[in-house]
Amino acid sequence: MAQGSELYAVADFCLIPMGTGEPSVAEYIAECQRILEKSGLHFKMHGYGTNLEGPWSAVCKAIGDCHAAVHAKGAPRIATDIRIGTRVDKDIAPGTGNDSKVARVREILEKDTK
């Protein structure tokens, strides 16, 4: 990271709509995914959340925008768990933070089969 530039954030978040009266929250999560598509940030949904990465302020704004959109869709309450990692000891190419973490672990595991 160049001195003075914004931190690059690699995040994982799980947004949980509450008080909707329905056991499924898929429609609300789909709305959040629409917001993330418009954000221009790199993201990947998984079974219990979404990986998201980009400049710190853009990541936080995108999560906030998801909250606003899910509330607008009718969810009276939302609980969100967020984990965010940053590092300044090496450059991370935009959109590669989560994938490179997984690739590194796979690389280590491949040594077990040799």
PDB file of N, CA and C in Angstrom:
ATOM      1  N   MET A   1       0.849  -1.177   0.000  1.00  0.00           N
ATOM      2  CA  MET A   1       0.000   0.000   0.000  1.00  0.00           C
ATOM      3  C   MET A   1       0.891   1.235   0.000  1.00  0.00           C
ATOM      4  N   ALA A   2       0.655   2.107  -0.895  1.00  0.00           N
ATOM      5  CA  ALA A   2       1.426   3.335  -0.944  1.00  0.00           C
ATOM      6  C   ALA A   2       1.044   4.231   0.226  1.00  0.00           C
ATOM      7  N   GLN A   3       2.037   4.922   0.757  1.00  0.00           N
ATOM      8  CA  GLN A   3       1.768   5.789   1.891  1.00  0.00           C
ATOM      9  C   GLN A   3       0.743   6.856   1.506  1.00  0.00           C
ATOM     10  N   GLY A   4      -0.234   7.053   2.361  1.00  0.00           N
ATOM     11  CA  GLY A   4      -1.254   8.053   2.107  1.00  0.00           C
ATOM     12  C   GLY A   4      -2.462   7.537   1.351  1.00  0.00           C
ATOM     13  N   SER A   5      -2.383   6.316   0.784  1.00  0.00           N
ATOM     14  CA  SER A   5      -3.565   5.809   0.082  1.00  0.00           C
ATOM     15  C   SER A   5      -4.454   5.031   1.038  1.00  0.00           C
ATOM     16  N   GLU A   6      -5.666   4.826   0.594  1.00  0.00           N
ATOM     17  CA  GLU A   6      -6.665   4.172   1.432  1.00  0.00           C
ATOM     18  C   GLU A   6      -6.353   2.685   1.593  1.00  0.00           C
ATOM     19  N   LEU A   7      -6.668   2.168   2.760  1.00  0.00           N
ATOM     20  CA  LEU A   7      -6.479   0.744   3.008  1.00  0.00           C
ATOM     21  C   LEU A   7      -7.342  -0.083   2.066  1.00  0.00           C
ATOM     22  N   TYR A   8      -6.793  -1.196   1.596  1.00  0.00           N
ATOM     23  CA  TYR A   8      -7.543  -2.163   0.803  1.00  0.00           C
ATOM     24  C   TYR A   8      -8.130  -3.156   1.793  1.00  0.00           C
ATOM     25  N   ALA A   9      -9.438  -3.341   1.758  1.00  0.00           N
ATOM     26  CA  ALA A   9     -10.130  -4.193   2.719  1.00  0.00           C
ATOM     27  C   ALA A   9     -10.606  -5.479   2.054  1.00  0.00           C
ATOM     28  N   VAL A  10     -10.342  -6.583   2.724  1.00  0.00           N
ATOM     29  CA  VAL A  10     -10.864  -7.878   2.323  1.00  0.00           C
ATOM     30  C   VAL A  10     -11.839  -8.272   3.422  1.00  0.00           C
ATOM     31  N   ALA A  11     -13.119  -8.356   3.075  1.00  0.00           N
ATOM     32  CA  ALA A  11     -14.159  -8.523   4.087  1.00  0.00           C
ATOM     33  C   ALA A  11     -15.011  -9.757   3.826  1.00  0.00           C
ATOM     34  N   ASP A  12     -15.648 -10.198   4.882  1.00  0.00           N
ATOM     35  CA  ASP A  12     -16.680 -11.220   4.804  1.00  0.00           C
ATOM     36  C   ASP A  12     -17.812 -10.712   5.687  1.00  0.00           C
ATOM     37  N   PHE A  13     -19.028 -10.687   5.141  1.00  0.00           N
ATOM     38  CA  PHE A  13     -20.133 -10.232   5.973  1.00  0.00           C
ATOM     39  C   PHE A  13     -21.353 -11.102   5.754  1.00  0.00           C
ATOM     40  N   CYS A  14     -22.134 -11.204   6.809  1.00  0.00           N
ATOM     41  CA  CYS A  14     -23.381 -11.962   6.799  1.00  0.00           C
ATOM     42  C   CYS A  14     -24.480 -11.047   7.293  1.00  0.00           C
ATOM     43  N   LEU A  15     -25.350 -10.631   6.389  1.00  0.00           N
ATOM     44  CA  LEU A  15     -26.452  -9.735   6.696  1.00  0.00           C
ATOM     45  C   LEU A  15     -27.685 -10.598   6.979  1.00  0.00           C
ATOM     46  N   ILE A  16     -28.317 -10.380   8.121  1.00  0.00           N
ATOM     47  CA  ILE A  16     -29.442 -11.211   8.545  1.00  0.00           C
ATOM     48  C   ILE A  16     -30.679 -10.338   8.762  1.00  0.00           C
ATOM     49  N   PRO A  17     -31.618 -10.360   7.793  1.00  0.00           N
ATOM     50  CA  PRO A  17     -32.875  -9.637   7.984  1.00  0.00           C
ATOM     51  C   PRO A  17     -33.675 -10.278   9.118  1.00  0.00           C
ATOM     52  N   MET A  18     -34.290  -9.465   9.953  1.00  0.00           N
ATOM     53  CA  MET A  18     -35.059  -9.977  11.090  1.00  0.00           C
ATOM     54  C   MET A  18     -36.450  -9.353  11.093  1.00  0.00           C
ATOM     55  N   GLY A  19     -37.411 -10.090  11.646  1.00  0.00           N
ATOM     56  CA  GLY A  19     -38.755  -9.569  11.792  1.00  0.00           C
ATOM     57  C   GLY A  19     -39.544  -9.528  10.498  1.00  0.00           C
ATOM     58  N   THR A  20     -39.166 -10.362   9.550  1.00  0.00           N
ATOM     59  CA  THR A  20     -39.835 -10.342   8.247  1.00  0.00           C
ATOM     60  C   THR A  20     -41.081 -11.223   8.216  1.00  0.00           C
ATOM     61  N   GLY A  21     -41.237 -12.107   9.191  1.00  0.00           N
ATOM     62  CA  GLY A  21     -42.375 -13.004   9.219  1.00  0.00           C
ATOM     63  C   GLY A  21     -42.235 -14.205   8.303  1.00  0.00           C
ATOM     64  N   GLU A  22     -41.107 -14.329   7.644  1.00  0.00           N
ATOM     65  CA  GLU A  22     -40.842 -15.443   6.726  1.00  0.00           C
ATOM     66  C   GLU A  22     -39.588 -16.186   7.175  1.00  0.00           C
ATOM     67  N   PRO A  23     -39.560 -17.507   7.030  1.00  0.00           N
ATOM     68  CA  PRO A  23     -38.338 -18.233   7.384  1.00  0.00           C
ATOM     69  C   PRO A  23     -37.211 -18.030   6.366  1.00  0.00           C
ATOM     70  N   SER A  24     -37.561 -17.768   5.112  1.00  0.00           N
ATOM     71  CA  SER A  24     -36.555 -17.559   4.076  1.00  0.00           C
ATOM     72  C   SER A  24     -36.200 -16.075   3.981  1.00  0.00           C
ATOM     73  N   VAL A  25     -34.923 -15.797   3.818  1.00  0.00           N
ATOM     74  CA  VAL A  25     -34.475 -14.414   3.624  1.00  0.00           C
ATOM     75  C   VAL A  25     -33.882 -14.211   2.227  1.00  0.00           C
ATOM     76  N   ALA A  26     -34.082 -15.184   1.335  1.00  0.00           N
ATOM     77  CA  ALA A  26     -33.453 -15.161   0.016  1.00  0.00           C
ATOM     78  C   ALA A  26     -33.793 -13.906  -0.790  1.00  0.00           C
ATOM     79  N   GLU A  27     -35.029 -13.438  -0.734  1.00  0.00           N
ATOM     80  CA  GLU A  27     -35.409 -12.239  -1.490  1.00  0.00           C
ATOM     81  C   GLU A  27     -34.633 -11.012  -1.003  1.00  0.00           C
ATOM     82  N   TYR A  28     -34.393 -10.935   0.292  1.00  0.00           N
ATOM     83  CA  TYR A  28     -33.645  -9.810   0.861  1.00  0.00           C
ATOM     84  C   TYR A  28     -32.163  -9.882   0.479  1.00  0.00           C
ATOM     85  N   ILE A  29     -31.622 -11.099   0.511  1.00  0.00           N
ATOM     86  CA  ILE A  29     -30.212 -11.278   0.152  1.00  0.00           C
ATOM     87  C   ILE A  29     -30.015 -10.997  -1.336  1.00  0.00           C
ATOM     88  N   ALA A  30     -30.987 -11.381  -2.155  1.00  0.00           N
ATOM     89  CA  ALA A  30     -30.903 -11.069  -3.583  1.00  0.00           C
ATOM     90  C   ALA A  30     -30.851  -9.549  -3.789  1.00  0.00           C
ATOM     91  N   GLU A  31     -31.624  -8.818  -3.006  1.00  0.00           N
ATOM     92  CA  GLU A  31     -31.606  -7.349  -3.102  1.00  0.00           C
ATOM     93  C   GLU A  31     -30.223  -6.809  -2.738  1.00  0.00           C
ATOM     94  N   CYS A  32     -29.633  -7.363  -1.716  1.00  0.00           N
ATOM     95  CA  CYS A  32     -28.277  -6.958  -1.319  1.00  0.00           C
ATOM     96  C   CYS A  32     -27.284  -7.260  -2.443  1.00  0.00           C
ATOM     97  N   GLN A  33     -27.402  -8.410  -3.075  1.00  0.00           N
ATOM     98  CA  GLN A  33     -26.499  -8.762  -4.166  1.00  0.00           C
ATOM     99  C   GLN A  33     -26.644  -7.787  -5.338  1.00  0.00           C
ATOM    100  N   ARG A  34     -27.860  -7.318  -5.589  1.00  0.00           N
ATOM    101  CA  ARG A  34     -28.069  -6.303  -6.634  1.00  0.00           C
ATOM    102  C   ARG A  34     -27.302  -5.018  -6.310  1.00  0.00           C
ATOM    103  N   ILE A  35     -27.320  -4.660  -5.040  1.00  0.00           N
ATOM    104  CA  ILE A  35     -26.583  -3.464  -4.597  1.00  0.00           C
ATOM    105  C   ILE A  35     -25.085  -3.665  -4.820  1.00  0.00           C
ATOM    106  N   LEU A  36     -24.588  -4.838  -4.474  1.00  0.00           N
ATOM    107  CA  LEU A  36     -23.161  -5.114  -4.635  1.00  0.00           C
ATOM    108  C   LEU A  36     -22.758  -5.103  -6.104  1.00  0.00           C
ATOM    109  N   GLU A  37     -23.614  -5.610  -6.976  1.00  0.00           N
ATOM    110  CA  GLU A  37     -23.320  -5.563  -8.412  1.00  0.00           C
ATOM    111  C   GLU A  37     -23.156  -4.126  -8.887  1.00  0.00           C
ATOM    112  N   LYS A  38     -23.969  -3.235  -8.390  1.00  0.00           N
ATOM    113  CA  LYS A  38     -23.893  -1.819  -8.775  1.00  0.00           C
ATOM    114  C   LYS A  38     -22.674  -1.120  -8.171  1.00  0.00           C
ATOM    115  N   SER A  39     -22.115  -1.681  -7.086  1.00  0.00           N
ATOM    116  CA  SER A  39     -20.996  -1.036  -6.389  1.00  0.00           C
ATOM    117  C   SER A  39     -19.708  -1.038  -7.194  1.00  0.00           C
ATOM    118  N   GLY A  40     -19.562  -1.992  -8.091  1.00  0.00           N
ATOM    119  CA  GLY A  40     -18.315  -2.118  -8.841  1.00  0.00           C
ATOM    120  C   GLY A  40     -17.218  -2.843  -8.080  1.00  0.00           C
ATOM    121  N   LEU A  41     -17.500  -3.265  -6.865  1.00  0.00           N
ATOM    122  CA  LEU A  41     -16.517  -3.986  -6.060  1.00  0.00           C
ATOM    123  C   LEU A  41     -16.520  -5.475  -6.414  1.00  0.00           C
ATOM    124  N   HIS A  42     -15.422  -6.130  -6.120  1.00  0.00           N
ATOM    125  CA  HIS A  42     -15.334  -7.580  -6.317  1.00  0.00           C
ATOM    126  C   HIS A  42     -16.034  -8.251  -5.136  1.00  0.00           C
ATOM    127  N   PHE A  43     -16.960  -9.174  -5.425  1.00  0.00           N
ATOM    128  CA  PHE A  43     -17.667  -9.872  -4.359  1.00  0.00           C
ATOM    129  C   PHE A  43     -18.040 -11.269  -4.800  1.00  0.00           C
ATOM    130  N   LYS A  44     -18.262 -12.136  -3.818  1.00  0.00           N
ATOM    131  CA  LYS A  44     -18.689 -13.502  -4.091  1.00  0.00           C
ATOM    132  C   LYS A  44     -19.589 -13.965  -2.955  1.00  0.00           C
ATOM    133  N   MET A  45     -20.823 -14.294  -3.302  1.00  0.00           N
ATOM    134  CA  MET A  45     -21.759 -14.812  -2.308  1.00  0.00           C
ATOM    135  C   MET A  45     -21.407 -16.270  -2.023  1.00  0.00           C
ATOM    136  N   HIS A  46     -21.577 -16.668  -0.753  1.00  0.00           N
ATOM    137  CA  HIS A  46     -21.448 -18.075  -0.380  1.00  0.00           C
ATOM    138  C   HIS A  46     -22.627 -18.419   0.514  1.00  0.00           C
ATOM    139  N   GLY A  47     -22.699 -19.632   0.999  1.00  0.00           N
ATOM    140  CA  GLY A  47     -23.876 -20.119   1.704  1.00  0.00           C
ATOM    141  C   GLY A  47     -24.277 -19.342   2.943  1.00  0.00           C
ATOM    142  N   TYR A  48     -23.325 -18.726   3.624  1.00  0.00           N
ATOM    143  CA  TYR A  48     -23.631 -18.002   4.854  1.00  0.00           C
ATOM    144  C   TYR A  48     -23.061 -16.602   4.867  1.00  0.00           C
ATOM    145  N   GLY A  49     -23.000 -15.971   3.696  1.00  0.00           N
ATOM    146  CA  GLY A  49     -22.517 -14.601   3.650  1.00  0.00           C
ATOM    147  C   GLY A  49     -21.941 -14.241   2.299  1.00  0.00           C
ATOM    148  N   THR A  50     -21.155 -13.178   2.300  1.00  0.00           N
ATOM    149  CA  THR A  50     -20.565 -12.658   1.067  1.00  0.00           C
ATOM    150  C   THR A  50     -19.155 -12.174   1.347  1.00  0.00           C
ATOM    151  N   ASN A  51     -18.219 -12.556   0.477  1.00  0.00           N
ATOM    152  CA  ASN A  51     -16.881 -11.981   0.491  1.00  0.00           C
ATOM    153  C   ASN A  51     -16.936 -10.713  -0.348  1.00  0.00           C
ATOM    154  N   LEU A  52     -16.274  -9.670   0.119  1.00  0.00           N
ATOM    155  CA  LEU A  52     -16.310  -8.372  -0.540  1.00  0.00           C
ATOM    156  C   LEU A  52     -14.953  -7.730  -0.364  1.00  0.00           C
ATOM    157  N   GLU A  53     -14.447  -7.100  -1.415  1.00  0.00           N
ATOM    158  CA  GLU A  53     -13.158  -6.437  -1.261  1.00  0.00           C
ATOM    159  C   GLU A  53     -13.041  -5.199  -2.120  1.00  0.00           C
ATOM    160  N   GLY A  54     -12.216  -4.283  -1.618  1.00  0.00           N
ATOM    161  CA  GLY A  54     -11.981  -3.021  -2.301  1.00  0.00           C
ATOM    162  C   GLY A  54     -11.488  -1.994  -1.305  1.00  0.00           C
ATOM    163  N   PRO A  55     -11.471  -0.735  -1.684  1.00  0.00           N
ATOM    164  CA  PRO A  55     -11.061   0.317  -0.744  1.00  0.00           C
ATOM    165  C   PRO A  55     -11.968   0.309   0.493  1.00  0.00           C
ATOM    166  N   TRP A  56     -11.368   0.551   1.646  1.00  0.00           N
ATOM    167  CA  TRP A  56     -12.074   0.496   2.931  1.00  0.00           C
ATOM    168  C   TRP A  56     -13.414   1.242   2.894  1.00  0.00           C
ATOM    169  N   SER A  57     -13.391   2.483   2.446  1.00  0.00           N
ATOM    170  CA  SER A  57     -14.609   3.290   2.473  1.00  0.00           C
ATOM    171  C   SER A  57     -15.678   2.726   1.532  1.00  0.00           C
ATOM    172  N   ALA A  58     -15.269   2.186   0.397  1.00  0.00           N
ATOM    173  CA  ALA A  58     -16.229   1.625  -0.557  1.00  0.00           C
ATOM    174  C   ALA A  58     -16.848   0.336  -0.013  1.00  0.00           C
ATOM    175  N   VAL A  59     -16.058  -0.478   0.671  1.00  0.00           N
ATOM    176  CA  VAL A  59     -16.570  -1.710   1.278  1.00  0.00           C
ATOM    177  C   VAL A  59     -17.601  -1.358   2.352  1.00  0.00           C
ATOM    178  N   CYS A  60     -17.264  -0.422   3.218  1.00  0.00           N
ATOM    179  CA  CYS A  60     -18.199  -0.022   4.279  1.00  0.00           C
ATOM    180  C   CYS A  60     -19.459   0.621   3.699  1.00  0.00           C
ATOM    181  N   LYS A  61     -19.297   1.429   2.656  1.00  0.00           N
ATOM    182  CA  LYS A  61     -20.465   2.044   2.014  1.00  0.00           C
ATOM    183  C   LYS A  61     -21.363   0.972   1.403  1.00  0.00           C
ATOM    184  N   ALA A  62     -20.783  -0.018   0.750  1.00  0.00           N
ATOM    185  CA  ALA A  62     -21.576  -1.071   0.115  1.00  0.00           C
ATOM    186  C   ALA A  62     -22.386  -1.848   1.156  1.00  0.00           C
ATOM    187  N   ILE A  63     -21.784  -2.150   2.286  1.00  0.00           N
ATOM    188  CA  ILE A  63     -22.508  -2.858   3.351  1.00  0.00           C
ATOM    189  C   ILE A  63     -23.637  -1.972   3.880  1.00  0.00           C
ATOM    190  N   GLY A  64     -23.372  -0.695   4.069  1.00  0.00           N
ATOM    191  CA  GLY A  64     -24.413   0.242   4.494  1.00  0.00           C
ATOM    192  C   GLY A  64     -25.532   0.352   3.469  1.00  0.00           C
ATOM    193  N   ASP A  65     -25.163   0.370   2.189  1.00  0.00           N
ATOM    194  CA  ASP A  65     -26.172   0.430   1.126  1.00  0.00           C
ATOM    195  C   ASP A  65     -27.023  -0.836   1.121  1.00  0.00           C
ATOM    196  N   CYS A  66     -26.430  -1.974   1.425  1.00  0.00           N
ATOM    197  CA  CYS A  66     -27.201  -3.223   1.539  1.00  0.00           C
ATOM    198  C   CYS A  66     -28.225  -3.098   2.664  1.00  0.00           C
ATOM    199  N   HIS A  67     -27.804  -2.553   3.795  1.00  0.00           N
ATOM    200  CA  HIS A  67     -28.738  -2.350   4.911  1.00  0.00           C
ATOM    201  C   HIS A  67     -29.913  -1.483   4.463  1.00  0.00           C
ATOM    202  N   ALA A  68     -29.621  -0.366   3.823  1.00  0.00           N
ATOM    203  CA  ALA A  68     -30.680   0.552   3.397  1.00  0.00           C
ATOM    204  C   ALA A  68     -31.644  -0.129   2.423  1.00  0.00           C
ATOM    205  N   ALA A  69     -31.103  -0.907   1.489  1.00  0.00           N
ATOM    206  CA  ALA A  69     -31.950  -1.568   0.493  1.00  0.00           C
ATOM    207  C   ALA A  69     -32.818  -2.656   1.118  1.00  0.00           C
ATOM    208  N   VAL A  70     -32.262  -3.399   2.057  1.00  0.00           N
ATOM    209  CA  VAL A  70     -33.027  -4.472   2.701  1.00  0.00           C
ATOM    210  C   VAL A  70     -34.105  -3.875   3.614  1.00  0.00           C
ATOM    211  N   HIS A  71     -33.799  -2.777   4.290  1.00  0.00           N
ATOM    212  CA  HIS A  71     -34.838  -2.082   5.058  1.00  0.00           C
ATOM    213  C   HIS A  71     -35.940  -1.588   4.116  1.00  0.00           C
ATOM    214  N   ALA A  72     -35.552  -1.013   2.986  1.00  0.00           N
ATOM    215  CA  ALA A  72     -36.538  -0.485   2.028  1.00  0.00           C
ATOM    216  C   ALA A  72     -37.425  -1.598   1.474  1.00  0.00           C
ATOM    217  N   LYS A  73     -36.894  -2.812   1.458  1.00  0.00           N
ATOM    218  CA  LYS A  73     -37.663  -3.962   0.974  1.00  0.00           C
ATOM    219  C   LYS A  73     -38.631  -4.476   2.041  1.00  0.00           C
ATOM    220  N   GLY A  74     -38.529  -3.946   3.275  1.00  0.00           N
ATOM    221  CA  GLY A  74     -39.497  -4.285   4.303  1.00  0.00           C
ATOM    222  C   GLY A  74     -38.965  -4.945   5.556  1.00  0.00           C
ATOM    223  N   ALA A  75     -37.685  -5.218   5.625  1.00  0.00           N
ATOM    224  CA  ALA A  75     -37.129  -5.821   6.839  1.00  0.00           C
ATOM    225  C   ALA A  75     -37.037  -4.746   7.925  1.00  0.00           C
ATOM    226  N   PRO A  76     -37.730  -4.932   9.064  1.00  0.00           N
ATOM    227  CA  PRO A  76     -37.693  -3.907  10.099  1.00  0.00           C
ATOM    228  C   PRO A  76     -36.383  -3.879  10.884  1.00  0.00           C
ATOM    229  N   ARG A  77     -35.691  -5.017  10.909  1.00  0.00           N
ATOM    230  CA  ARG A  77     -34.416  -5.088  11.644  1.00  0.00           C
ATOM    231  C   ARG A  77     -33.422  -5.882  10.822  1.00  0.00           C
ATOM    232  N   ILE A  78     -32.141  -5.575  11.007  1.00  0.00           N
ATOM    233  CA  ILE A  78     -31.064  -6.311  10.350  1.00  0.00           C
ATOM    234  C   ILE A  78     -29.923  -6.458  11.347  1.00  0.00           C
ATOM    235  N   ALA A  79     -29.383  -7.654  11.427  1.00  0.00           N
ATOM    236  CA  ALA A  79     -28.151  -7.893  12.186  1.00  0.00           C
ATOM    237  C   ALA A  79     -27.091  -8.320  11.183  1.00  0.00           C
ATOM    238  N   THR A  80     -25.904  -7.755  11.278  1.00  0.00           N
ATOM    239  CA  THR A  80     -24.832  -8.091  10.349  1.00  0.00           C
ATOM    240  C   THR A  80     -23.549  -8.389  11.106  1.00  0.00           C
ATOM    241  N   ASP A  81     -22.957  -9.525  10.767  1.00  0.00           N
ATOM    242  CA  ASP A  81     -21.627  -9.878  11.265  1.00  0.00           C
ATOM    243  C   ASP A  81     -20.633  -9.513  10.170  1.00  0.00           C
ATOM    244  N   ILE A  82     -19.568  -8.811  10.545  1.00  0.00           N
ATOM    245  CA  ILE A  82     -18.570  -8.365   9.570  1.00  0.00           C
ATOM    246  C   ILE A  82     -17.170  -8.695  10.086  1.00  0.00           C
ATOM    247  N   ARG A  83     -16.366  -9.293   9.209  1.00  0.00           N
ATOM    248  CA  ARG A  83     -14.935  -9.449   9.476  1.00  0.00           C
ATOM    249  C   ARG A  83     -14.206  -8.745   8.345  1.00  0.00           C
ATOM    250  N   ILE A  84     -13.267  -7.872   8.696  1.00  0.00           N
ATOM    251  CA  ILE A  84     -12.504  -7.141   7.687  1.00  0.00           C
ATOM    252  C   ILE A  84     -11.023  -7.287   7.992  1.00  0.00           C
ATOM    253  N   GLY A  85     -10.275  -7.636   6.968  1.00  0.00           N
ATOM    254  CA  GLY A  85      -8.828  -7.729   7.097  1.00  0.00           C
ATOM    255  C   GLY A  85      -8.154  -6.724   6.186  1.00  0.00           C
ATOM    256  N   THR A  86      -7.046  -6.194   6.654  1.00  0.00           N
ATOM    257  CA  THR A  86      -6.216  -5.315   5.840  1.00  0.00           C
ATOM    258  C   THR A  86      -4.775  -5.743   6.034  1.00  0.00           C
ATOM    259  N   ARG A  87      -3.935  -5.386   5.095  1.00  0.00           N
ATOM    260  CA  ARG A  87      -2.502  -5.614   5.277  1.00  0.00           C
ATOM    261  C   ARG A  87      -1.731  -4.567   4.506  1.00  0.00           C
ATOM    262  N   VAL A  88      -0.589  -4.222   5.029  1.00  0.00           N
ATOM    263  CA  VAL A  88       0.242  -3.203   4.396  1.00  0.00           C
ATOM    264  C   VAL A  88       1.633  -3.733   4.054  1.00  0.00           C
ATOM    265  N   ASP A  89       1.845  -5.032   4.286  1.00  0.00           N
ATOM    266  CA  ASP A  89       3.160  -5.605   4.025  1.00  0.00           C
ATOM    267  C   ASP A  89       3.337  -6.076   2.592  1.00  0.00           C
ATOM    268  N   LYS A  90       2.260  -6.088   1.801  1.00  0.00           N
ATOM    269  CA  LYS A  90       2.383  -6.426   0.388  1.00  0.00           C
ATOM    270  C   LYS A  90       1.211  -5.821  -0.368  1.00  0.00           C
ATOM    271  N   ASP A  91       1.420  -5.629  -1.658  1.00  0.00           N
ATOM    272  CA  ASP A  91       0.354  -5.099  -2.501  1.00  0.00           C
ATOM    273  C   ASP A  91      -0.604  -6.220  -2.860  1.00  0.00           C
ATOM    274  N   ILE A  92      -1.884  -5.901  -2.860  1.00  0.00           N
ATOM    275  CA  ILE A  92      -2.919  -6.848  -3.258  1.00  0.00           C
ATOM    276  C   ILE A  92      -3.586  -6.276  -4.501  1.00  0.00           C
ATOM    277  N   ALA A  93      -3.529  -7.032  -5.584  1.00  0.00           N
ATOM    278  CA  ALA A  93      -4.193  -6.570  -6.804  1.00  0.00           C
ATOM    279  C   ALA A  93      -5.697  -6.551  -6.562  1.00  0.00           C
ATOM    280  N   PRO A  94      -6.371  -5.494  -6.959  1.00  0.00           N
ATOM    281  CA  PRO A  94      -7.817  -5.414  -6.732  1.00  0.00           C
ATOM    282  C   PRO A  94      -8.546  -6.659  -7.233  1.00  0.00           C
ATOM    283  N   GLY A  95      -9.415  -7.186  -6.368  1.00  0.00           N
ATOM    284  CA  GLY A  95     -10.210  -8.353  -6.714  1.00  0.00           C
ATOM    285  C   GLY A  95      -9.545  -9.690  -6.480  1.00  0.00           C
ATOM    286  N   THR A  96      -8.314  -9.685  -5.935  1.00  0.00           N
ATOM    287  CA  THR A  96      -7.604 -10.954  -5.744  1.00  0.00           C
ATOM    288  C   THR A  96      -7.398 -11.331  -4.280  1.00  0.00           C
ATOM    289  N   GLY A  97      -7.833 -10.507  -3.356  1.00  0.00           N
ATOM    290  CA  GLY A  97      -7.566 -10.744  -1.941  1.00  0.00           C
ATOM    291  C   GLY A  97      -8.093 -12.059  -1.418  1.00  0.00           C
ATOM    292  N   ASN A  98      -9.394 -12.319  -1.596  1.00  0.00           N
ATOM    293  CA  ASN A  98      -9.962 -13.568  -1.098  1.00  0.00           C
ATOM    294  C   ASN A  98      -9.465 -14.767  -1.891  1.00  0.00           C
ATOM    295  N   ASP A  99      -9.416 -14.648  -3.211  1.00  0.00           N
ATOM    296  CA  ASP A  99      -8.977 -15.771  -4.039  1.00  0.00           C
ATOM    297  C   ASP A  99      -7.534 -16.167  -3.743  1.00  0.00           C
ATOM    298  N   SER A 100      -6.669 -15.187  -3.501  1.00  0.00           N
ATOM    299  CA  SER A 100      -5.272 -15.523  -3.228  1.00  0.00           C
ATOM    300  C   SER A 100      -5.117 -16.208  -1.871  1.00  0.00           C
ATOM    301  N   LYS A 101      -5.978 -15.883  -0.905  1.00  0.00           N
ATOM    302  CA  LYS A 101      -5.934 -16.565   0.393  1.00  0.00           C
ATOM    303  C   LYS A 101      -6.275 -18.041   0.219  1.00  0.00           C
ATOM    304  N   VAL A 102      -7.315 -18.321  -0.539  1.00  0.00           N
ATOM    305  CA  VAL A 102      -7.733 -19.696  -0.775  1.00  0.00           C
ATOM    306  C   VAL A 102      -6.671 -20.446  -1.581  1.00  0.00           C
ATOM    307  N   ALA A 103      -6.137 -19.803  -2.596  1.00  0.00           N
ATOM    308  CA  ALA A 103      -5.108 -20.438  -3.431  1.00  0.00           C
ATOM    309  C   ALA A 103      -3.879 -20.803  -2.611  1.00  0.00           C
ATOM    310  N   ARG A 104      -3.493 -19.947  -1.685  1.00  0.00           N
ATOM    311  CA  ARG A 104      -2.314 -20.225  -0.853  1.00  0.00           C
ATOM    312  C   ARG A 104      -2.535 -21.460   0.022  1.00  0.00           C
ATOM    313  N   VAL A 105      -3.705 -21.606   0.602  1.00  0.00           N
ATOM    314  CA  VAL A 105      -3.993 -22.779   1.427  1.00  0.00           C
ATOM    315  C   VAL A 105      -4.016 -24.033   0.554  1.00  0.00           C
ATOM    316  N   ARG A 106      -4.611 -23.957  -0.613  1.00  0.00           N
ATOM    317  CA  ARG A 106      -4.637 -25.113  -1.522  1.00  0.00           C
ATOM    318  C   ARG A 106      -3.235 -25.526  -1.926  1.00  0.00           C
ATOM    319  N   GLU A 107      -2.390 -24.540  -2.165  1.00  0.00           N
ATOM    320  CA  GLU A 107      -0.998 -24.804  -2.514  1.00  0.00           C
ATOM    321  C   GLU A 107      -0.316 -25.605  -1.402  1.00  0.00           C
ATOM    322  N   ILE A 108      -0.546 -25.223  -0.168  1.00  0.00           N
ATOM    323  CA  ILE A 108       0.036 -25.934   0.973  1.00  0.00           C
ATOM    324  C   ILE A 108      -0.520 -27.346   1.052  1.00  0.00           C
ATOM    325  N   LEU A 109      -1.825 -27.505   0.851  1.00  0.00           N
ATOM    326  CA  LEU A 109      -2.457 -28.821   0.934  1.00  0.00           C
ATOM    327  C   LEU A 109      -1.985 -29.761  -0.180  1.00  0.00           C
ATOM    328  N   GLU A 110      -1.675 -29.201  -1.350  1.00  0.00           N
ATOM    329  CA  GLU A 110      -1.187 -30.030  -2.454  1.00  0.00           C
ATOM    330  C   GLU A 110       0.116 -30.714  -2.094  1.00  0.00           C
ATOM    331  N   LYS A 111       0.905 -30.114  -1.240  1.00  0.00           N
ATOM    332  CA  LYS A 111       2.168 -30.729  -0.811  1.00  0.00           C
ATOM    333  C   LYS A 111       1.911 -32.002  -0.025  1.00  0.00           C
ATOM    334  N   ASP A 112       0.723 -32.123   0.593  1.00  0.00           N
ATOM    335  CA  ASP A 112       0.379 -33.325   1.339  1.00  0.00           C
ATOM    336  C   ASP A 112       0.215 -34.542   0.435  1.00  0.00           C
ATOM    337  N   THR A 113      -0.118 -34.332  -0.837  1.00  0.00           N
ATOM    338  CA  THR A 113      -0.369 -35.445  -1.751  1.00  0.00           C
ATOM    339  C   THR A 113       0.862 -35.850  -2.533  1.00  0.00           C
ATOM    340  N   LYS A 114       1.952 -35.172  -2.331  1.00  0.00           N
ATOM    341  CA  LYS A 114       3.185 -35.491  -3.086  1.00  0.00           C
ATOM    342  C   LYS A 114       4.119 -36.343  -2.279  1.00  0.00           C
TER     343      LYS A 114
END
